[in-house]
Amino acid sequence: SLTPGDSFGQLLFLVGGGLLAPIGEETLFRGYVFNAFRLTFASKRWG
């Protein structure tokens, strides 16, 4: 729900989607999920 000329809303959207989301997603998916799978499957040949 972005509207033309809403600079503040667009800036918040850019900060949220362009900075905060990547920090959160990388922390969750690579920092936690990938490493949890890696450690869980470490003893497997295809871990």
ModelCIF file with pLDDT and N, C-alpha, C, O atoms, coordinates in Angstrom:
data_MODEL
#
_entry.id   MODEL 
#
_entity.id                         1 
_entity.type                       polymer 
_entity.pdbx_number_of_molecules   1 
#
_entity_poly.entity_id                      1 
_entity_poly.type                           'polypeptide(L)' 
_entity_poly.nstd_linkage                   no 
_entity_poly.nstd_monomer                   no 
_entity_poly.pdbx_seq_one_letter_code       SLTPGDSFGQLLFLVGGGLLAPIGEETLFRGYVFNAFRLTFASKRWG 
_entity_poly.pdbx_seq_one_letter_code_can   SLTPGDSFGQLLFLVGGGLLAPIGEETLFRGYVFNAFRLTFASKRWG 
_entity_poly.pdbx_strand_id                 A 
#
loop_
_entity_poly_seq.entity_id 
_entity_poly_seq.num 
_entity_poly_seq.mon_id 
_entity_poly_seq.hetero 
1 1  SER n 
1 2  LEU n 
1 3  THR n 
1 4  PRO n 
1 5  GLY n 
1 6  ASP n 
1 7  SER n 
1 8  PHE n 
1 9  GLY n 
1 10 GLN n 
1 11 LEU n 
1 12 LEU n 
1 13 PHE n 
1 14 LEU n 
1 15 VAL n 
1 16 GLY n 
1 17 GLY n 
1 18 GLY n 
1 19 LEU n 
1 20 LEU n 
1 21 ALA n 
1 22 PRO n 
1 23 ILE n 
1 24 GLY n 
1 25 GLU n 
1 26 GLU n 
1 27 THR n 
1 28 LEU n 
1 29 PHE n 
1 30 ARG n 
1 31 GLY n 
1 32 TYR n 
1 33 VAL n 
1 34 PHE n 
1 35 ASN n 
1 36 ALA n 
1 37 PHE n 
1 38 ARG n 
1 39 LEU n 
1 40 THR n 
1 41 PHE n 
1 42 ALA n 
1 43 SER n 
1 44 LYS n 
1 45 ARG n 
1 46 TRP n 
1 47 GLY n 
#
_struct_asym.id          A 
_struct_asym.entity_id   1 
#
loop_
_ma_qa_metric.id 
_ma_qa_metric.mode 
_ma_qa_metric.name 
_ma_qa_metric.software_group_id 
_ma_qa_metric.type 
1 global pLDDT . pLDDT 
2 local  pLDDT . pLDDT 
#
_ma_qa_metric_global.metric_id      1 
_ma_qa_metric_global.metric_value   93.15 
_ma_qa_metric_global.model_id       1 
_ma_qa_metric_global.ordinal_id     1 
#
loop_
_ma_qa_metric_local.label_asym_id 
_ma_qa_metric_local.label_comp_id 
_ma_qa_metric_local.label_seq_id 
_ma_qa_metric_local.metric_id 
_ma_qa_metric_local.metric_value 
_ma_qa_metric_local.model_id 
_ma_qa_metric_local.ordinal_id 
A SER 1  2 73.00 1 1  
A LEU 2  2 81.00 1 2  
A THR 3  2 86.00 1 3  
A PRO 4  2 88.00 1 4  
A GLY 5  2 87.00 1 5  
A ASP 6  2 91.00 1 6  
A SER 7  2 89.00 1 7  
A PHE 8  2 93.00 1 8  
A GLY 9  2 91.00 1 9  
A GLN 10 2 94.00 1 10 
A LEU 11 2 94.00 1 11 
A LEU 12 2 94.00 1 12 
A PHE 13 2 92.00 1 13 
A LEU 14 2 95.00 1 14 
A VAL 15 2 96.00 1 15 
A GLY 16 2 95.00 1 16 
A GLY 17 2 94.00 1 17 
A GLY 18 2 96.00 1 18 
A LEU 19 2 97.00 1 19 
A LEU 20 2 97.00 1 20 
A ALA 21 2 96.00 1 21 
A PRO 22 2 97.00 1 22 
A ILE 23 2 98.00 1 23 
A GLY 24 2 97.00 1 24 
A GLU 25 2 96.00 1 25 
A GLU 26 2 97.00 1 26 
A THR 27 2 97.00 1 27 
A LEU 28 2 97.00 1 28 
A PHE 29 2 97.00 1 29 
A ARG 30 2 97.00 1 30 
A GLY 31 2 96.00 1 31 
A TYR 32 2 97.00 1 32 
A VAL 33 2 97.00 1 33 
A PHE 34 2 97.00 1 34 
A ASN 35 2 95.00 1 35 
A ALA 36 2 96.00 1 36 
A PHE 37 2 95.00 1 37 
A ARG 38 2 94.00 1 38 
A LEU 39 2 94.00 1 39 
A THR 40 2 94.00 1 40 
A PHE 41 2 91.00 1 41 
A ALA 42 2 88.00 1 42 
A SER 43 2 90.00 1 43 
A LYS 44 2 90.00 1 44 
A ARG 45 2 89.00 1 45 
A TRP 46 2 91.00 1 46 
A GLY 47 2 92.00 1 47 
#
loop_
_atom_site.group_PDB 
_atom_site.id 
_atom_site.type_symbol 
_atom_site.label_atom_id 
_atom_site.label_alt_id 
_atom_site.label_comp_id 
_atom_site.label_asym_id 
_atom_site.label_entity_id 
_atom_site.label_seq_id 
_atom_site.pdbx_PDB_ins_code 
_atom_site.Cartn_x 
_atom_site.Cartn_y 
_atom_site.Cartn_z 
_atom_site.occupancy 
_atom_site.B_iso_or_equiv 
_atom_site.pdbx_formal_charge 
_atom_site.auth_seq_id 
_atom_site.auth_comp_id 
_atom_site.auth_asym_id 
_atom_site.auth_atom_id 
_atom_site.pdbx_PDB_model_num 
ATOM 1   N N  . SER A 1 1  ? 0.831  -1.205  0.000  1.00 73.00 ? 1  SER A N  1 
ATOM 2   C CA . SER A 1 1  ? 0.000  0.000   0.000  1.00 73.00 ? 1  SER A CA 1 
ATOM 3   C C  . SER A 1 1  ? 0.867  1.256   0.000  1.00 73.00 ? 1  SER A C  1 
ATOM 4   O O  . SER A 1 1  ? 0.860  2.035   0.954  1.00 73.00 ? 1  SER A O  1 
ATOM 5   N N  . LEU A 1 2  ? 1.599  1.433   -1.069 1.00 81.00 ? 2  LEU A N  1 
ATOM 6   C CA . LEU A 1 2  ? 2.420  2.624   -1.249 1.00 81.00 ? 2  LEU A CA 1 
ATOM 7   C C  . LEU A 1 2  ? 1.681  3.586   -2.163 1.00 81.00 ? 2  LEU A C  1 
ATOM 8   O O  . LEU A 1 2  ? 1.100  3.181   -3.170 1.00 81.00 ? 2  LEU A O  1 
ATOM 9   N N  . THR A 1 3  ? 1.708  4.846   -1.809 1.00 86.00 ? 3  THR A N  1 
ATOM 10  C CA . THR A 1 3  ? 1.035  5.844   -2.634 1.00 86.00 ? 3  THR A CA 1 
ATOM 11  C C  . THR A 1 3  ? 2.058  6.833   -3.192 1.00 86.00 ? 3  THR A C  1 
ATOM 12  O O  . THR A 1 3  ? 3.052  7.145   -2.536 1.00 86.00 ? 3  THR A O  1 
ATOM 13  N N  . PRO A 1 4  ? 1.810  7.317   -4.391 1.00 88.00 ? 4  PRO A N  1 
ATOM 14  C CA . PRO A 1 4  ? 2.727  8.288   -4.989 1.00 88.00 ? 4  PRO A CA 1 
ATOM 15  C C  . PRO A 1 4  ? 2.910  9.502   -4.079 1.00 88.00 ? 4  PRO A C  1 
ATOM 16  O O  . PRO A 1 4  ? 1.945  10.035  -3.530 1.00 88.00 ? 4  PRO A O  1 
ATOM 17  N N  . GLY A 1 5  ? 4.154  9.923   -3.930 1.00 87.00 ? 5  GLY A N  1 
ATOM 18  C CA . GLY A 1 5  ? 4.452  11.118  -3.160 1.00 87.00 ? 5  GLY A CA 1 
ATOM 19  C C  . GLY A 1 5  ? 4.554  10.919  -1.661 1.00 87.00 ? 5  GLY A C  1 
ATOM 20  O O  . GLY A 1 5  ? 4.908  11.861  -0.952 1.00 87.00 ? 5  GLY A O  1 
ATOM 21  N N  . ASP A 1 6  ? 4.263  9.745   -1.154 1.00 91.00 ? 6  ASP A N  1 
ATOM 22  C CA . ASP A 1 6  ? 4.352  9.480   0.293  1.00 91.00 ? 6  ASP A CA 1 
ATOM 23  C C  . ASP A 1 6  ? 5.799  9.124   0.637  1.00 91.00 ? 6  ASP A C  1 
ATOM 24  O O  . ASP A 1 6  ? 6.123  7.958   0.861  1.00 91.00 ? 6  ASP A O  1 
ATOM 25  N N  . SER A 1 7  ? 6.653  10.128  0.676  1.00 89.00 ? 7  SER A N  1 
ATOM 26  C CA . SER A 1 7  ? 8.089  9.907   0.870  1.00 89.00 ? 7  SER A CA 1 
ATOM 27  C C  . SER A 1 7  ? 8.404  9.207   2.180  1.00 89.00 ? 7  SER A C  1 
ATOM 28  O O  . SER A 1 7  ? 9.247  8.311   2.217  1.00 89.00 ? 7  SER A O  1 
ATOM 29  N N  . PHE A 1 8  ? 7.737  9.606   3.255  1.00 93.00 ? 8  PHE A N  1 
ATOM 30  C CA . PHE A 1 8  ? 8.022  8.993   4.549  1.00 93.00 ? 8  PHE A CA 1 
ATOM 31  C C  . PHE A 1 8  ? 7.617  7.516   4.554  1.00 93.00 ? 8  PHE A C  1 
ATOM 32  O O  . PHE A 1 8  ? 8.382  6.667   5.012  1.00 93.00 ? 8  PHE A O  1 
ATOM 33  N N  . GLY A 1 9  ? 6.445  7.212   4.059  1.00 91.00 ? 9  GLY A N  1 
ATOM 34  C CA . GLY A 1 9  ? 5.992  5.826   3.983  1.00 91.00 ? 9  GLY A CA 1 
ATOM 35  C C  . GLY A 1 9  ? 6.896  4.984   3.100  1.00 91.00 ? 9  GLY A C  1 
ATOM 36  O O  . GLY A 1 9  ? 7.194  3.834   3.422  1.00 91.00 ? 9  GLY A O  1 
ATOM 37  N N  . GLN A 1 10 ? 7.330  5.555   1.993  1.00 94.00 ? 10 GLN A N  1 
ATOM 38  C CA . GLN A 1 10 ? 8.222  4.842   1.078  1.00 94.00 ? 10 GLN A CA 1 
ATOM 39  C C  . GLN A 1 10 ? 9.592  4.619   1.710  1.00 94.00 ? 10 GLN A C  1 
ATOM 40  O O  . GLN A 1 10 ? 10.206 3.570   1.515  1.00 94.00 ? 10 GLN A O  1 
ATOM 41  N N  . LEU A 1 11 ? 10.070 5.605   2.469  1.00 94.00 ? 11 LEU A N  1 
ATOM 42  C CA . LEU A 1 11 ? 11.346 5.449   3.169  1.00 94.00 ? 11 LEU A CA 1 
ATOM 43  C C  . LEU A 1 11 ? 11.255 4.339   4.214  1.00 94.00 ? 11 LEU A C  1 
ATOM 44  O O  . LEU A 1 11 ? 12.155 3.506   4.323  1.00 94.00 ? 11 LEU A O  1 
ATOM 45  N N  . LEU A 1 12 ? 10.179 4.331   4.971  1.00 94.00 ? 12 LEU A N  1 
ATOM 46  C CA . LEU A 1 12 ? 9.982  3.264   5.962  1.00 94.00 ? 12 LEU A CA 1 
ATOM 47  C C  . LEU A 1 12 ? 9.918  1.895   5.285  1.00 94.00 ? 12 LEU A C  1 
ATOM 48  O O  . LEU A 1 12 ? 10.490 0.922   5.778  1.00 94.00 ? 12 LEU A O  1 
ATOM 49  N N  . PHE A 1 13 ? 9.222  1.831   4.161  1.00 92.00 ? 13 PHE A N  1 
ATOM 50  C CA . PHE A 1 13 ? 9.111  0.589   3.398  1.00 92.00 ? 13 PHE A CA 1 
ATOM 51  C C  . PHE A 1 13 ? 10.487 0.131   2.919  1.00 92.00 ? 13 PHE A C  1 
ATOM 52  O O  . PHE A 1 13 ? 10.811 -1.055  2.994  1.00 92.00 ? 13 PHE A O  1 
ATOM 53  N N  . LEU A 1 14 ? 11.288 1.064   2.430  1.00 95.00 ? 14 LEU A N  1 
ATOM 54  C CA . LEU A 1 14 ? 12.635 0.752   1.946  1.00 95.00 ? 14 LEU A CA 1 
ATOM 55  C C  . LEU A 1 14 ? 13.537 0.284   3.084  1.00 95.00 ? 14 LEU A C  1 
ATOM 56  O O  . LEU A 1 14 ? 14.286 -0.679  2.921  1.00 95.00 ? 14 LEU A O  1 
ATOM 57  N N  . VAL A 1 15 ? 13.474 0.949   4.222  1.00 96.00 ? 15 VAL A N  1 
ATOM 58  C CA . VAL A 1 15 ? 14.292 0.544   5.373  1.00 96.00 ? 15 VAL A CA 1 
ATOM 59  C C  . VAL A 1 15 ? 13.853 -0.830  5.875  1.00 96.00 ? 15 VAL A C  1 
ATOM 60  O O  . VAL A 1 15 ? 14.688 -1.684  6.173  1.00 96.00 ? 15 VAL A O  1 
ATOM 61  N N  . GLY A 1 16 ? 12.538 -1.039  5.967  1.00 95.00 ? 16 GLY A N  1 
ATOM 62  C CA . GLY A 1 16 ? 12.030 -2.326  6.436  1.00 95.00 ? 16 GLY A CA 1 
ATOM 63  C C  . GLY A 1 16 ? 12.359 -3.469  5.498  1.00 95.00 ? 16 GLY A C  1 
ATOM 64  O O  . GLY A 1 16 ? 12.875 -4.502  5.923  1.00 95.00 ? 16 GLY A O  1 
ATOM 65  N N  . GLY A 1 17 ? 12.058 -3.284  4.212  1.00 94.00 ? 17 GLY A N  1 
ATOM 66  C CA . GLY A 1 17 ? 12.270 -4.352  3.231  1.00 94.00 ? 17 GLY A CA 1 
ATOM 67  C C  . GLY A 1 17 ? 13.696 -4.463  2.738  1.00 94.00 ? 17 GLY A C  1 
ATOM 68  O O  . GLY A 1 17 ? 14.144 -5.544  2.356  1.00 94.00 ? 17 GLY A O  1 
ATOM 69  N N  . GLY A 1 18 ? 14.411 -3.352  2.746  1.00 96.00 ? 18 GLY A N  1 
ATOM 70  C CA . GLY A 1 18 ? 15.757 -3.339  2.203  1.00 96.00 ? 18 GLY A CA 1 
ATOM 71  C C  . GLY A 1 18 ? 16.858 -3.549  3.223  1.00 96.00 ? 18 GLY A C  1 
ATOM 72  O O  . GLY A 1 18 ? 17.987 -3.879  2.862  1.00 96.00 ? 18 GLY A O  1 
ATOM 73  N N  . LEU A 1 19 ? 16.537 -3.361  4.500  1.00 97.00 ? 19 LEU A N  1 
ATOM 74  C CA . LEU A 1 19 ? 17.567 -3.512  5.526  1.00 97.00 ? 19 LEU A CA 1 
ATOM 75  C C  . LEU A 1 19 ? 17.135 -4.443  6.663  1.00 97.00 ? 19 LEU A C  1 
ATOM 76  O O  . LEU A 1 19 ? 17.825 -5.414  6.975  1.00 97.00 ? 19 LEU A O  1 
ATOM 77  N N  . LEU A 1 20 ? 16.004 -4.142  7.272  1.00 97.00 ? 20 LEU A N  1 
ATOM 78  C CA . LEU A 1 20 ? 15.576 -4.928  8.425  1.00 97.00 ? 20 LEU A CA 1 
ATOM 79  C C  . LEU A 1 20 ? 15.203 -6.363  8.058  1.00 97.00 ? 20 LEU A C  1 
ATOM 80  O O  . LEU A 1 20 ? 15.581 -7.303  8.758  1.00 97.00 ? 20 LEU A O  1 
ATOM 81  N N  . ALA A 1 21 ? 14.463 -6.532  6.961  1.00 96.00 ? 21 ALA A N  1 
ATOM 82  C CA . ALA A 1 21 ? 14.079 -7.883  6.534  1.00 96.00 ? 21 ALA A CA 1 
ATOM 83  C C  . ALA A 1 21 ? 15.312 -8.734  6.213  1.00 96.00 ? 21 ALA A C  1 
ATOM 84  O O  . ALA A 1 21 ? 15.376 -9.878  6.662  1.00 96.00 ? 21 ALA A O  1 
ATOM 85  N N  . PRO A 1 22 ? 16.291 -8.229  5.458  1.00 97.00 ? 22 PRO A N  1 
ATOM 86  C CA . PRO A 1 22 ? 17.483 -9.043  5.211  1.00 97.00 ? 22 PRO A CA 1 
ATOM 87  C C  . PRO A 1 22 ? 18.238 -9.429  6.490  1.00 97.00 ? 22 PRO A C  1 
ATOM 88  O O  . PRO A 1 22 ? 18.735 -10.550 6.601  1.00 97.00 ? 22 PRO A O  1 
ATOM 89  N N  . ILE A 1 23 ? 18.326 -8.514  7.446  1.00 98.00 ? 23 ILE A N  1 
ATOM 90  C CA . ILE A 1 23 ? 18.998 -8.847  8.700  1.00 98.00 ? 23 ILE A CA 1 
ATOM 91  C C  . ILE A 1 23 ? 18.252 -9.979  9.408  1.00 98.00 ? 23 ILE A C  1 
ATOM 92  O O  . ILE A 1 23 ? 18.856 -10.960 9.842  1.00 98.00 ? 23 ILE A O  1 
ATOM 93  N N  . GLY A 1 24 ? 16.943 -9.828  9.515  1.00 97.00 ? 24 GLY A N  1 
ATOM 94  C CA . GLY A 1 24 ? 16.139 -10.851 10.182 1.00 97.00 ? 24 GLY A CA 1 
ATOM 95  C C  . GLY A 1 24 ? 16.139 -12.172 9.445  1.00 97.00 ? 24 GLY A C  1 
ATOM 96  O O  . GLY A 1 24 ? 16.283 -13.228 10.062 1.00 97.00 ? 24 GLY A O  1 
ATOM 97  N N  . GLU A 1 25 ? 15.979 -12.127 8.128  1.00 96.00 ? 25 GLU A N  1 
ATOM 98  C CA . GLU A 1 25 ? 15.913 -13.365 7.347  1.00 96.00 ? 25 GLU A CA 1 
ATOM 99  C C  . GLU A 1 25 ? 17.252 -14.087 7.312  1.00 96.00 ? 25 GLU A C  1 
ATOM 100 O O  . GLU A 1 25 ? 17.289 -15.315 7.386  1.00 96.00 ? 25 GLU A O  1 
ATOM 101 N N  . GLU A 1 26 ? 18.336 -13.362 7.201  1.00 97.00 ? 26 GLU A N  1 
ATOM 102 C CA . GLU A 1 26 ? 19.646 -14.020 7.204  1.00 97.00 ? 26 GLU A CA 1 
ATOM 103 C C  . GLU A 1 26 ? 19.944 -14.628 8.571  1.00 97.00 ? 26 GLU A C  1 
ATOM 104 O O  . GLU A 1 26 ? 20.503 -15.720 8.668  1.00 97.00 ? 26 GLU A O  1 
ATOM 105 N N  . THR A 1 27 ? 19.567 -13.915 9.616  1.00 97.00 ? 27 THR A N  1 
ATOM 106 C CA . THR A 1 27 ? 19.758 -14.454 10.965 1.00 97.00 ? 27 THR A CA 1 
ATOM 107 C C  . THR A 1 27 ? 18.955 -15.732 11.149 1.00 97.00 ? 27 THR A C  1 
ATOM 108 O O  . THR A 1 27 ? 19.463 -16.716 11.686 1.00 97.00 ? 27 THR A O  1 
ATOM 109 N N  . LEU A 1 28 ? 17.702 -15.721 10.704 1.00 97.00 ? 28 LEU A N  1 
ATOM 110 C CA . LEU A 1 28 ? 16.841 -16.896 10.854 1.00 97.00 ? 28 LEU A CA 1 
ATOM 111 C C  . LEU A 1 28 ? 17.249 -18.033 9.922  1.00 97.00 ? 28 LEU A C  1 
ATOM 112 O O  . LEU A 1 28 ? 17.525 -19.143 10.378 1.00 97.00 ? 28 LEU A O  1 
ATOM 113 N N  . PHE A 1 29 ? 17.290 -17.759 8.617  1.00 97.00 ? 29 PHE A N  1 
ATOM 114 C CA . PHE A 1 29 ? 17.457 -18.842 7.645  1.00 97.00 ? 29 PHE A CA 1 
ATOM 115 C C  . PHE A 1 29 ? 18.886 -19.354 7.504  1.00 97.00 ? 29 PHE A C  1 
ATOM 116 O O  . PHE A 1 29 ? 19.081 -20.560 7.352  1.00 97.00 ? 29 PHE A O  1 
ATOM 117 N N  . ARG A 1 30 ? 19.879 -18.493 7.549  1.00 97.00 ? 30 ARG A N  1 
ATOM 118 C CA . ARG A 1 30 ? 21.254 -18.953 7.445  1.00 97.00 ? 30 ARG A CA 1 
ATOM 119 C C  . ARG A 1 30 ? 21.878 -19.140 8.823  1.00 97.00 ? 30 ARG A C  1 
ATOM 120 O O  . ARG A 1 30 ? 22.571 -20.129 9.059  1.00 97.00 ? 30 ARG A O  1 
ATOM 121 N N  . GLY A 1 31 ? 21.641 -18.206 9.727  1.00 96.00 ? 31 GLY A N  1 
ATOM 122 C CA . GLY A 1 31 ? 22.231 -18.310 11.054 1.00 96.00 ? 31 GLY A CA 1 
ATOM 123 C C  . GLY A 1 31 ? 21.643 -19.432 11.885 1.00 96.00 ? 31 GLY A C  1 
ATOM 124 O O  . GLY A 1 31 ? 22.366 -20.123 12.603 1.00 96.00 ? 31 GLY A O  1 
ATOM 125 N N  . TYR A 1 32 ? 20.339 -19.618 11.794 1.00 97.00 ? 32 TYR A N  1 
ATOM 126 C CA . TYR A 1 32 ? 19.707 -20.651 12.602 1.00 97.00 ? 32 TYR A CA 1 
ATOM 127 C C  . TYR A 1 32 ? 19.336 -21.897 11.790 1.00 97.00 ? 32 TYR A C  1 
ATOM 128 O O  . TYR A 1 32 ? 19.839 -22.986 12.067 1.00 97.00 ? 32 TYR A O  1 
ATOM 129 N N  . VAL A 1 33 ? 18.460 -21.745 10.790 1.00 97.00 ? 33 VAL A N  1 
ATOM 130 C CA . VAL A 1 33 ? 17.927 -22.912 10.069 1.00 97.00 ? 33 VAL A CA 1 
ATOM 131 C C  . VAL A 1 33 ? 19.039 -23.694 9.363  1.00 97.00 ? 33 VAL A C  1 
ATOM 132 O O  . VAL A 1 33 ? 19.161 -24.903 9.559  1.00 97.00 ? 33 VAL A O  1 
ATOM 133 N N  . PHE A 1 34 ? 19.835 -23.027 8.558  1.00 97.00 ? 34 PHE A N  1 
ATOM 134 C CA . PHE A 1 34 ? 20.908 -23.736 7.839  1.00 97.00 ? 34 PHE A CA 1 
ATOM 135 C C  . PHE A 1 34 ? 21.841 -24.427 8.821  1.00 97.00 ? 34 PHE A C  1 
ATOM 136 O O  . PHE A 1 34 ? 22.168 -25.601 8.647  1.00 97.00 ? 34 PHE A O  1 
ATOM 137 N N  . ASN A 1 35 ? 22.273 -23.705 9.853  1.00 95.00 ? 35 ASN A N  1 
ATOM 138 C CA . ASN A 1 35 ? 23.204 -24.296 10.816 1.00 95.00 ? 35 ASN A CA 1 
ATOM 139 C C  . ASN A 1 35 ? 22.558 -25.418 11.623 1.00 95.00 ? 35 ASN A C  1 
ATOM 140 O O  . ASN A 1 35 ? 23.228 -26.393 11.964 1.00 95.00 ? 35 ASN A O  1 
ATOM 141 N N  . ALA A 1 36 ? 21.273 -25.298 11.932 1.00 96.00 ? 36 ALA A N  1 
ATOM 142 C CA . ALA A 1 36 ? 20.585 -26.379 12.644 1.00 96.00 ? 36 ALA A CA 1 
ATOM 143 C C  . ALA A 1 36 ? 20.537 -27.634 11.778 1.00 96.00 ? 36 ALA A C  1 
ATOM 144 O O  . ALA A 1 36 ? 20.805 -28.734 12.260 1.00 96.00 ? 36 ALA A O  1 
ATOM 145 N N  . PHE A 1 37 ? 20.198 -27.473 10.508 1.00 95.00 ? 37 PHE A N  1 
ATOM 146 C CA . PHE A 1 37 ? 20.197 -28.620 9.589  1.00 95.00 ? 37 PHE A CA 1 
ATOM 147 C C  . PHE A 1 37 ? 21.609 -29.184 9.435  1.00 95.00 ? 37 PHE A C  1 
ATOM 148 O O  . PHE A 1 37 ? 21.804 -30.400 9.438  1.00 95.00 ? 37 PHE A O  1 
ATOM 149 N N  . ARG A 1 38 ? 22.572 -28.307 9.302  1.00 94.00 ? 38 ARG A N  1 
ATOM 150 C CA . ARG A 1 38 ? 23.965 -28.738 9.117  1.00 94.00 ? 38 ARG A CA 1 
ATOM 151 C C  . ARG A 1 38 ? 24.435 -29.570 10.314 1.00 94.00 ? 38 ARG A C  1 
ATOM 152 O O  . ARG A 1 38 ? 25.054 -30.620 10.139 1.00 94.00 ? 38 ARG A O  1 
ATOM 153 N N  . LEU A 1 39 ? 24.146 -29.108 11.502 1.00 94.00 ? 39 LEU A N  1 
ATOM 154 C CA . LEU A 1 39 ? 24.560 -29.843 12.697 1.00 94.00 ? 39 LEU A CA 1 
ATOM 155 C C  . LEU A 1 39 ? 23.749 -31.121 12.891 1.00 94.00 ? 39 LEU A C  1 
ATOM 156 O O  . LEU A 1 39 ? 24.285 -32.145 13.315 1.00 94.00 ? 39 LEU A O  1 
ATOM 157 N N  . THR A 1 40 ? 22.456 -31.056 12.579 1.00 94.00 ? 40 THR A N  1 
ATOM 158 C CA . THR A 1 40 ? 21.593 -32.226 12.718 1.00 94.00 ? 40 THR A CA 1 
ATOM 159 C C  . THR A 1 40 ? 22.018 -33.340 11.769 1.00 94.00 ? 40 THR A C  1 
ATOM 160 O O  . THR A 1 40 ? 22.027 -34.512 12.145 1.00 94.00 ? 40 THR A O  1 
ATOM 161 N N  . PHE A 1 41 ? 22.368 -32.976 10.544 1.00 91.00 ? 41 PHE A N  1 
ATOM 162 C CA . PHE A 1 41 ? 22.724 -33.968 9.532  1.00 91.00 ? 41 PHE A CA 1 
ATOM 163 C C  . PHE A 1 41 ? 24.237 -34.190 9.430  1.00 91.00 ? 41 PHE A C  1 
ATOM 164 O O  . PHE A 1 41 ? 24.694 -34.838 8.489  1.00 91.00 ? 41 PHE A O  1 
ATOM 165 N N  . ALA A 1 42 ? 25.007 -33.677 10.361 1.00 88.00 ? 42 ALA A N  1 
ATOM 166 C CA . ALA A 1 42 ? 26.473 -33.728 10.273 1.00 88.00 ? 42 ALA A CA 1 
ATOM 167 C C  . ALA A 1 42 ? 27.010 -35.145 10.147 1.00 88.00 ? 42 ALA A C  1 
ATOM 168 O O  . ALA A 1 42 ? 28.014 -35.366 9.470  1.00 88.00 ? 42 ALA A O  1 
ATOM 169 N N  . SER A 1 43 ? 26.366 -36.093 10.779 1.00 90.00 ? 43 SER A N  1 
ATOM 170 C CA . SER A 1 43 ? 26.869 -37.464 10.738 1.00 90.00 ? 43 SER A CA 1 
ATOM 171 C C  . SER A 1 43 ? 26.473 -38.218 9.468  1.00 90.00 ? 43 SER A C  1 
ATOM 172 O O  . SER A 1 43 ? 26.957 -39.323 9.223  1.00 90.00 ? 43 SER A O  1 
ATOM 173 N N  . LYS A 1 44 ? 25.607 -37.630 8.674  1.00 90.00 ? 44 LYS A N  1 
ATOM 174 C CA . LYS A 1 44 ? 25.144 -38.269 7.438  1.00 90.00 ? 44 LYS A CA 1 
ATOM 175 C C  . LYS A 1 44 ? 26.109 -37.963 6.298  1.00 90.00 ? 44 LYS A C  1 
ATOM 176 O O  . LYS A 1 44 ? 26.763 -36.920 6.284  1.00 90.00 ? 44 LYS A O  1 
ATOM 177 N N  . ARG A 1 45 ? 26.187 -38.870 5.360  1.00 89.00 ? 45 ARG A N  1 
ATOM 178 C CA . ARG A 1 45 ? 27.067 -38.690 4.208  1.00 89.00 ? 45 ARG A CA 1 
ATOM 179 C C  . ARG A 1 45 ? 26.693 -37.443 3.409  1.00 89.00 ? 45 ARG A C  1 
ATOM 180 O O  . ARG A 1 45 ? 27.569 -36.706 2.957  1.00 89.00 ? 45 ARG A O  1 
ATOM 181 N N  . TRP A 1 46 ? 25.411 -37.211 3.239  1.00 91.00 ? 46 TRP A N  1 
ATOM 182 C CA . TRP A 1 46 ? 24.924 -36.071 2.466  1.00 91.00 ? 46 TRP A CA 1 
ATOM 183 C C  . TRP A 1 46 ? 24.445 -34.946 3.372  1.00 91.00 ? 46 TRP A C  1 
ATOM 184 O O  . TRP A 1 46 ? 23.580 -34.164 2.977  1.00 91.00 ? 46 TRP A O  1 
ATOM 185 N N  . GLY A 1 47 ? 24.988 -34.851 4.575  1.00 92.00 ? 47 GLY A N  1 
ATOM 186 C CA . GLY A 1 47 ? 24.533 -33.892 5.573  1.00 92.00 ? 47 GLY A CA 1 
ATOM 187 C C  . GLY A 1 47 ? 24.601 -32.436 5.145  1.00 92.00 ? 47 GLY A C  1 
ATOM 188 O O  . GLY A 1 47 ? 24.239 -31.548 5.917  1.00 92.00 ? 47 GLY A O  1 
#
